[in-house]
Each structure stands twice: as C-alpha cells, then as structure tokens.
Amino acid sequence: MDALVWEGEAPQLRSPVLVCAFAGWNDAAGSATAALTSAADALDAEVIAQIDSEEFFDFQANRPTISLAEGRAREIEWPGNVFMSAPAPRAERDLVLLAGTEPNLRWRTFSEGIAETAEALGVEMVVTLGALIADVAHTLPVPITGLASDPELVERLELSQSSYEGPTGVVGVVHDACDRRGIPSASLWAAVPHYVAAVPNPKAALALLRRLEGLTGVAVEASELEDESEAYEQQVTNAVSSNPEIEELVQKLEAEQAEDIEAEGDLPSGESLARDFERYLRQQGGPGSP
C-alpha cells in the first residue's frame, strides 16, 4: 500500500490476528471503537504504521480538528487509521489492531491495502468489530453475533454463516479483499438499543471485547469498561423509569427477547442480525447519509 507509512521495521508477531474497528457507519453508539480502544490500552499496543488520510478522506465530510498543545502551539489532528501491534505473551498469539475512521474515498484501494498489510505481518485471521441499532433492551445481555463467509471458519469458531444481502460499510469490502487473498475473516456485531443509541454504550463494547477474547484466545483486562457498563445500565434505567412510554417499550422488548432466546436456544441468528441490520440501514437512510 503506497499510502502506508511504517513507524519502523515491521514487528515479528506470533500467529497474529488482525482486529479492525472503524468509527462511522459500522459503529453504532461507538461500541466497536470503544472495544478496540480498551484492547489497545490493556495490551499496551504501539503504533507500527499509519495510513495517509490524504488518499482516502473528504475533509469537508470528515474535518480535521485543532487542539492546543501545552497551552500554546496548535496541533491539527487528521482523521485516519493506524495499525498497532499488541503482543500478548501469556496467550498463544499476538494481535494487530487497526483503529480509525471509515474512509470516504477509494474503498477498494483502502481495503486491498489492509489485506496486503495483513499478509506482510503474517496475519492468520482478520476480525472486524461492528455495532448496529436494534430492538433490544439495555437491561439484558448484549446480543453478539459472529459471522463468517468461510464454511470451515464458521464450523471451527462456532459462528453463523453470513447470509446478509444489501448495502455494506467498509468492513464488508475489507472482508471481500481478505477473501480474495485467501485470508480467513470473521465479524462480530453487537446490537445496541435503538432508544438510547445516541450515547456511548460501554456495555455493548464490553460484550464485543469478551466475545473477541473467546475468538482469539487473548485475554483483555477491562475493569474500567466493566465499571462504565454498570454505571451506564443504572443511568439508562433511571432515565427510562421517568418516562412511562419508554418504560413500557423496554418491558415489551425484554419479553420479546426472552421469547427469541427460548425459541432459538441461543443468541440471535445471522438471519436475525440481517433483519436488524436492514432496519438500521433504513433508519440511517443508507450508507450515504451524514
């Protein structure tokens, strides 16, 4: 990838898994990026490369920000994406983390560059994190659905076969690029309550993180996220209790989810996720919405 700028020599990693999360269309309530940030902090991840934002962003749509440094000099922070190495000495493998923002331009080039970088780092699997708005209650465990297009990966990791058809975010294009290079890939999606989707959801982020642990075998210390999750649930419960209409809605969602889990014997299926995702797309007005 011509737009990739390495910080130094590429690190030597053990059977690494690349985990990606992009702010924007695939990241309802900031849950996916919060999960990745927690993993980066817990594993003392270090930046190893950056993708030049000039190639992939419309800066009128994703504007840079200015901040003060030491109270005087002004610094510009550009939207972009960074690769980080996250060694996990106590696990059987290491992680590579890709954090940033869904680009506006040249998605195919961007995604092919990610797959190319994954090959260069010896990545054995790519996992993307996402979150969508759904008819779920904040009081119940967060539904997490794991999807993969490779039947062997579906069986080995106990995921669901992806059957979704429709508009996609950049994660869908990344999976396609990985598939064409023969790199196995999977995605984890958290469902967040539609009635409180405008605020960060640490509970969904924590659920994604725990499912990622099971997928990769890399444990992540997340006590801060656990505390935030408890506070989030209590704050939302307090707010809901002051609004009879929302309280009635939550009770209805709790009953519906209990019926779904009893009928399916597990968390929502890939087909259920696809229905929620399509509803989310309608609510958002499609991928071109602001």
Protein backbone atom coordinates (compact mmCIF):
# COMPACT_ATOMS: atom_id res chain seq x y z
CA MET A 1 0.00 0.00 0.00
CA ASP A 2 1.64 3.22 -1.17
CA ALA A 3 -0.27 5.26 1.41
CA LEU A 4 1.01 3.15 4.32
CA VAL A 5 3.71 4.84 6.42
CA TRP A 6 5.67 2.49 8.70
CA GLU A 7 6.99 3.79 12.01
CA GLY A 8 9.97 1.44 11.78
CA GLU A 9 10.64 -2.19 10.95
CA ALA A 10 7.59 -4.45 10.82
CA PRO A 11 7.35 -6.35 14.14
CA GLN A 12 7.76 -10.10 14.44
CA LEU A 13 4.49 -11.46 15.85
CA ARG A 14 3.24 -14.90 16.82
CA SER A 15 0.31 -16.22 14.73
CA PRO A 16 -1.26 -12.76 14.78
CA VAL A 17 -4.93 -11.90 14.35
CA LEU A 18 -5.79 -8.50 12.88
CA VAL A 19 -8.72 -6.82 14.67
CA CYS A 20 -10.32 -3.80 12.95
CA ALA A 21 -12.86 -1.22 14.09
CA PHE A 22 -13.90 1.91 12.20
CA ALA A 23 -15.77 4.89 13.58
CA GLY A 24 -18.75 5.83 11.48
CA TRP A 25 -21.40 3.80 9.73
CA ASN A 26 -20.46 0.42 11.28
CA ASP A 27 -20.12 1.74 14.84
CA ALA A 28 -23.49 2.41 16.49
CA ALA A 29 -23.09 4.11 19.88
CA GLY A 30 -19.30 3.99 19.41
CA SER A 31 -19.30 0.41 20.71
CA ALA A 32 -16.84 -1.17 18.26
CA THR A 33 -14.21 1.55 18.52
CA ALA A 34 -14.55 1.61 22.32
CA ALA A 35 -13.91 -2.15 22.44
CA LEU A 36 -10.80 -1.79 20.29
CA THR A 37 -9.52 1.15 22.34
CA SER A 38 -9.89 -0.88 25.53
CA ALA A 39 -7.95 -3.76 23.99
CA ALA A 40 -5.20 -1.38 22.85
CA ASP A 41 -4.90 0.18 26.31
CA ALA A 42 -4.91 -3.15 28.15
CA LEU A 43 -2.27 -4.71 25.88
CA ASP A 44 -0.05 -1.61 25.73
CA ALA A 45 -0.39 -1.55 21.96
CA GLU A 46 2.13 0.50 19.99
CA VAL A 47 1.60 2.23 16.66
CA ILE A 48 3.57 0.50 13.91
CA ALA A 49 2.11 2.15 10.80
CA GLN A 50 -0.33 4.83 9.66
CA ILE A 51 -2.47 5.11 6.56
CA ASP A 52 -2.09 8.52 4.90
CA SER A 53 -5.50 10.16 5.28
CA GLU A 54 -4.96 12.43 2.25
CA GLU A 55 -5.69 9.49 -0.06
CA PHE A 56 -8.98 8.35 1.43
CA PHE A 57 -10.85 11.18 3.12
CA ASP A 58 -13.04 14.07 2.03
CA PHE A 59 -12.04 16.62 4.63
CA GLN A 60 -15.29 18.54 4.15
CA ALA A 61 -17.15 15.42 5.31
CA ASN A 62 -14.60 14.38 7.97
CA ARG A 63 -12.96 17.61 9.07
CA PRO A 64 -9.66 17.70 10.96
CA THR A 65 -9.69 19.19 14.45
CA ILE A 66 -7.40 21.75 16.08
CA SER A 67 -6.22 21.46 19.67
CA LEU A 68 -3.83 23.35 21.90
CA ALA A 69 -0.54 21.71 22.83
CA GLU A 70 0.90 22.83 26.15
CA GLY A 71 -1.50 25.76 26.12
CA ARG A 72 0.17 27.48 23.16
CA ALA A 73 1.03 25.72 19.93
CA ARG A 74 -1.93 24.49 17.93
CA GLU A 75 -1.94 20.96 16.54
CA ILE A 76 -4.11 19.57 13.77
CA GLU A 77 -5.47 16.07 14.19
CA TRP A 78 -6.46 14.45 10.91
CA PRO A 79 -9.00 11.66 10.53
CA GLY A 80 -7.18 8.48 9.66
CA ASN A 81 -6.31 4.90 10.54
CA VAL A 82 -3.39 3.37 12.42
CA PHE A 83 -2.02 -0.14 12.79
CA MET A 84 -0.86 -1.14 16.26
CA SER A 85 1.00 -4.21 17.47
CA ALA A 86 -0.40 -5.76 20.64
CA PRO A 87 1.81 -8.64 21.84
CA ALA A 88 0.14 -11.00 24.34
CA PRO A 89 2.97 -13.04 25.91
CA ARG A 90 0.60 -15.14 28.04
CA ALA A 91 -1.51 -16.16 25.05
CA GLU A 92 -0.68 -18.37 22.10
CA ARG A 93 -0.88 -15.49 19.64
CA ASP A 94 -0.46 -11.73 19.33
CA LEU A 95 -2.87 -9.16 17.99
CA VAL A 96 -2.58 -6.43 15.40
CA LEU A 97 -5.13 -3.66 15.86
CA LEU A 98 -6.41 -1.33 13.15
CA ALA A 99 -8.21 1.68 14.61
CA GLY A 100 -9.62 4.69 12.86
CA THR A 101 -12.46 6.08 10.79
CA GLU A 102 -14.35 4.67 7.83
CA PRO A 103 -12.89 6.45 4.78
CA ASN A 104 -14.90 8.47 2.28
CA LEU A 105 -12.94 7.58 -0.86
CA ARG A 106 -11.25 4.70 -2.71
CA TRP A 107 -12.65 1.88 -0.58
CA ARG A 108 -11.26 -0.85 -2.83
CA THR A 109 -7.72 0.52 -2.67
CA PHE A 110 -8.06 1.08 1.08
CA SER A 111 -9.31 -2.47 1.72
CA GLU A 112 -6.78 -4.11 -0.57
CA GLY A 113 -4.07 -2.22 1.30
CA ILE A 114 -5.33 -3.62 4.61
CA ALA A 115 -5.28 -7.16 3.24
CA GLU A 116 -1.79 -6.58 1.79
CA THR A 117 -0.53 -5.30 5.15
CA ALA A 118 -2.11 -8.28 6.91
CA GLU A 119 -0.16 -10.59 4.59
CA ALA A 120 3.08 -8.72 5.27
CA LEU A 121 2.57 -9.14 9.02
CA GLY A 122 1.77 -12.85 8.75
CA VAL A 123 -1.82 -12.38 9.93
CA GLU A 124 -3.70 -15.67 10.13
CA MET A 125 -7.20 -14.23 10.53
CA VAL A 126 -8.92 -10.85 10.28
CA VAL A 127 -11.74 -9.94 12.66
CA THR A 128 -13.85 -6.80 12.27
CA LEU A 129 -15.94 -5.31 15.07
CA GLY A 130 -19.23 -3.56 14.45
CA ALA A 131 -22.39 -2.41 16.18
CA LEU A 132 -25.90 -1.81 14.92
CA ILE A 133 -29.14 -0.35 16.24
CA ALA A 134 -31.73 -3.00 17.06
CA ASP A 135 -34.89 -3.73 19.05
CA VAL A 136 -33.13 -4.87 22.22
CA ALA A 137 -33.38 -3.92 25.88
CA HIS A 138 -30.49 -2.34 27.78
CA THR A 139 -31.28 -4.48 30.85
CA LEU A 140 -30.48 -7.81 29.16
CA PRO A 141 -27.16 -9.28 27.98
CA VAL A 142 -25.99 -7.65 24.76
CA PRO A 143 -26.67 -9.87 21.74
CA ILE A 144 -23.40 -10.55 19.90
CA THR A 145 -23.49 -12.29 16.56
CA GLY A 146 -20.39 -13.74 14.95
CA LEU A 147 -20.45 -14.13 11.18
CA ALA A 148 -18.10 -15.57 8.58
CA SER A 149 -18.36 -16.46 4.90
CA ASP A 150 -15.90 -19.37 5.05
CA PRO A 151 -17.80 -22.58 5.99
CA GLU A 152 -14.71 -24.06 7.63
CA LEU A 153 -14.26 -20.97 9.80
CA VAL A 154 -17.96 -20.96 10.66
CA GLU A 155 -17.70 -24.52 11.94
CA ARG A 156 -14.35 -24.16 13.72
CA LEU A 157 -15.25 -20.96 15.58
CA GLU A 158 -18.97 -21.74 16.02
CA LEU A 159 -20.04 -18.66 14.10
CA SER A 160 -23.01 -18.14 11.79
CA GLN A 161 -22.95 -18.40 8.02
CA SER A 162 -23.32 -14.88 6.62
CA SER A 163 -26.48 -14.60 4.51
CA TYR A 164 -26.87 -10.81 4.58
CA GLU A 165 -27.56 -9.06 1.27
CA GLY A 166 -27.75 -5.30 0.91
CA PRO A 167 -25.70 -2.12 1.44
CA THR A 168 -22.47 -2.51 3.37
CA GLY A 169 -19.89 -0.43 5.16
CA VAL A 170 -16.16 -0.58 4.62
CA VAL A 171 -15.95 -3.74 6.74
CA GLY A 172 -17.78 -5.65 4.00
CA VAL A 173 -15.22 -4.51 1.44
CA VAL A 174 -12.35 -5.44 3.79
CA HIS A 175 -13.76 -8.95 4.13
CA ASP A 176 -14.00 -9.24 0.36
CA ALA A 177 -10.37 -8.15 -0.07
CA CYS A 178 -9.22 -10.67 2.54
CA ASP A 179 -11.24 -13.45 0.91
CA ARG A 180 -9.61 -12.80 -2.47
CA ARG A 181 -6.18 -13.13 -0.84
CA GLY A 182 -7.13 -16.31 0.99
CA ILE A 183 -7.07 -14.73 4.46
CA PRO A 184 -9.86 -16.10 6.72
CA SER A 185 -12.03 -13.38 8.18
CA ALA A 186 -14.93 -13.02 10.58
CA SER A 187 -17.04 -10.23 12.00
CA LEU A 188 -18.56 -9.63 15.42
CA TRP A 189 -21.63 -7.43 15.73
CA ALA A 190 -23.20 -6.01 18.89
CA ALA A 191 -26.85 -4.95 18.99
CA VAL A 192 -27.50 -1.67 20.84
CA PRO A 193 -30.91 -0.38 21.97
CA HIS A 194 -32.49 1.98 19.47
CA TYR A 195 -34.00 4.16 22.22
CA VAL A 196 -30.57 5.07 23.62
CA ALA A 197 -28.36 4.88 20.53
CA ALA A 198 -27.23 8.50 20.66
CA VAL A 199 -24.90 8.00 23.65
CA PRO A 200 -21.80 5.80 24.01
CA ASN A 201 -22.61 2.22 25.03
CA PRO A 202 -19.82 0.69 27.15
CA LYS A 203 -21.95 -2.37 27.86
CA ALA A 204 -22.01 -3.27 24.15
CA ALA A 205 -18.28 -2.52 23.89
CA LEU A 206 -17.56 -4.88 26.80
CA ALA A 207 -19.68 -7.63 25.25
CA LEU A 208 -17.77 -7.30 21.96
CA LEU A 209 -14.49 -7.45 23.85
CA ARG A 210 -15.45 -10.62 25.72
CA ARG A 211 -16.58 -12.32 22.51
CA LEU A 212 -13.31 -11.28 20.87
CA GLU A 213 -11.40 -12.91 23.74
CA GLY A 214 -13.16 -16.18 23.05
CA LEU A 215 -12.42 -15.90 19.35
CA THR A 216 -8.71 -15.09 19.65
CA GLY A 217 -7.73 -16.63 22.99
CA VAL A 218 -6.23 -13.31 24.07
CA ALA A 219 -7.49 -12.11 27.46
CA VAL A 220 -8.03 -8.38 27.94
CA GLU A 221 -8.23 -6.63 31.30
CA ALA A 222 -11.24 -4.33 31.14
CA SER A 223 -12.16 -3.34 34.71
CA GLU A 224 -12.70 0.28 33.70
CA LEU A 225 -15.09 -0.74 30.94
CA GLU A 226 -16.89 -3.03 33.41
CA ASP A 227 -17.40 -0.12 35.82
CA GLU A 228 -18.61 2.10 32.98
CA SER A 229 -21.04 -0.63 31.88
CA GLU A 230 -22.61 -0.86 35.33
CA ALA A 231 -22.94 2.92 35.55
CA TYR A 232 -24.41 3.06 32.02
CA GLU A 233 -27.09 0.49 32.77
CA GLN A 234 -28.07 2.23 36.00
CA GLN A 235 -28.20 5.67 34.39
CA VAL A 236 -30.33 4.43 31.48
CA THR A 237 -32.64 2.56 33.88
CA ASN A 238 -33.12 5.75 35.91
CA ALA A 239 -33.89 7.74 32.77
CA VAL A 240 -36.30 5.10 31.47
CA SER A 241 -38.18 4.93 34.79
CA SER A 242 -39.03 8.62 34.47
CA ASN A 243 -40.74 8.10 31.10
CA PRO A 244 -43.75 5.69 31.22
CA GLU A 245 -43.87 5.26 27.44
CA ILE A 246 -40.19 4.25 27.18
CA GLU A 247 -40.54 2.07 30.28
CA GLU A 248 -43.40 0.19 28.63
CA LEU A 249 -41.32 -0.19 25.46
CA VAL A 250 -38.39 -1.66 27.41
CA GLN A 251 -40.67 -4.16 29.14
CA LYS A 252 -42.04 -5.21 25.75
CA LEU A 253 -38.53 -5.64 24.34
CA GLU A 254 -37.50 -7.73 27.37
CA ALA A 255 -40.43 -10.08 26.79
CA GLU A 256 -39.73 -10.36 23.06
CA GLN A 257 -36.05 -11.09 23.60
CA ALA A 258 -36.85 -13.77 26.16
CA GLU A 259 -39.15 -15.43 23.61
CA ASP A 260 -36.50 -15.21 20.87
CA ILE A 261 -33.79 -16.77 23.06
CA GLU A 262 -36.14 -19.56 24.16
CA ALA A 263 -37.20 -20.25 20.56
CA GLU A 264 -33.69 -20.20 19.10
CA GLY A 265 -31.96 -21.75 22.10
CA ASP A 266 -29.16 -19.21 21.82
CA LEU A 267 -28.33 -15.65 20.84
CA PRO A 268 -29.90 -14.19 17.68
CA SER A 269 -29.00 -15.93 14.43
CA GLY A 270 -27.33 -14.48 11.36
CA GLU A 271 -30.75 -14.11 9.76
CA SER A 272 -31.97 -12.17 12.79
CA LEU A 273 -28.90 -9.93 12.59
CA ALA A 274 -29.54 -9.30 8.89
CA ARG A 275 -33.10 -8.19 9.63
CA ASP A 276 -31.88 -5.81 12.32
CA PHE A 277 -29.15 -4.51 10.02
CA GLU A 278 -31.60 -3.82 7.21
CA ARG A 279 -33.82 -1.92 9.64
CA TYR A 280 -30.76 0.02 10.79
CA LEU A 281 -29.97 0.95 7.18
CA ARG A 282 -33.49 2.24 6.67
CA GLN A 283 -33.22 4.33 9.83
CA GLN A 284 -29.90 5.75 8.67
CA GLY A 285 -31.11 6.43 5.15
CA GLY A 286 -28.38 4.25 3.56
CA PRO A 287 -24.60 4.45 3.57
CA GLY A 288 -24.53 7.91 2.04
CA SER A 289 -26.31 9.53 4.96
CA PRO A 290 -24.44 12.07 7.08
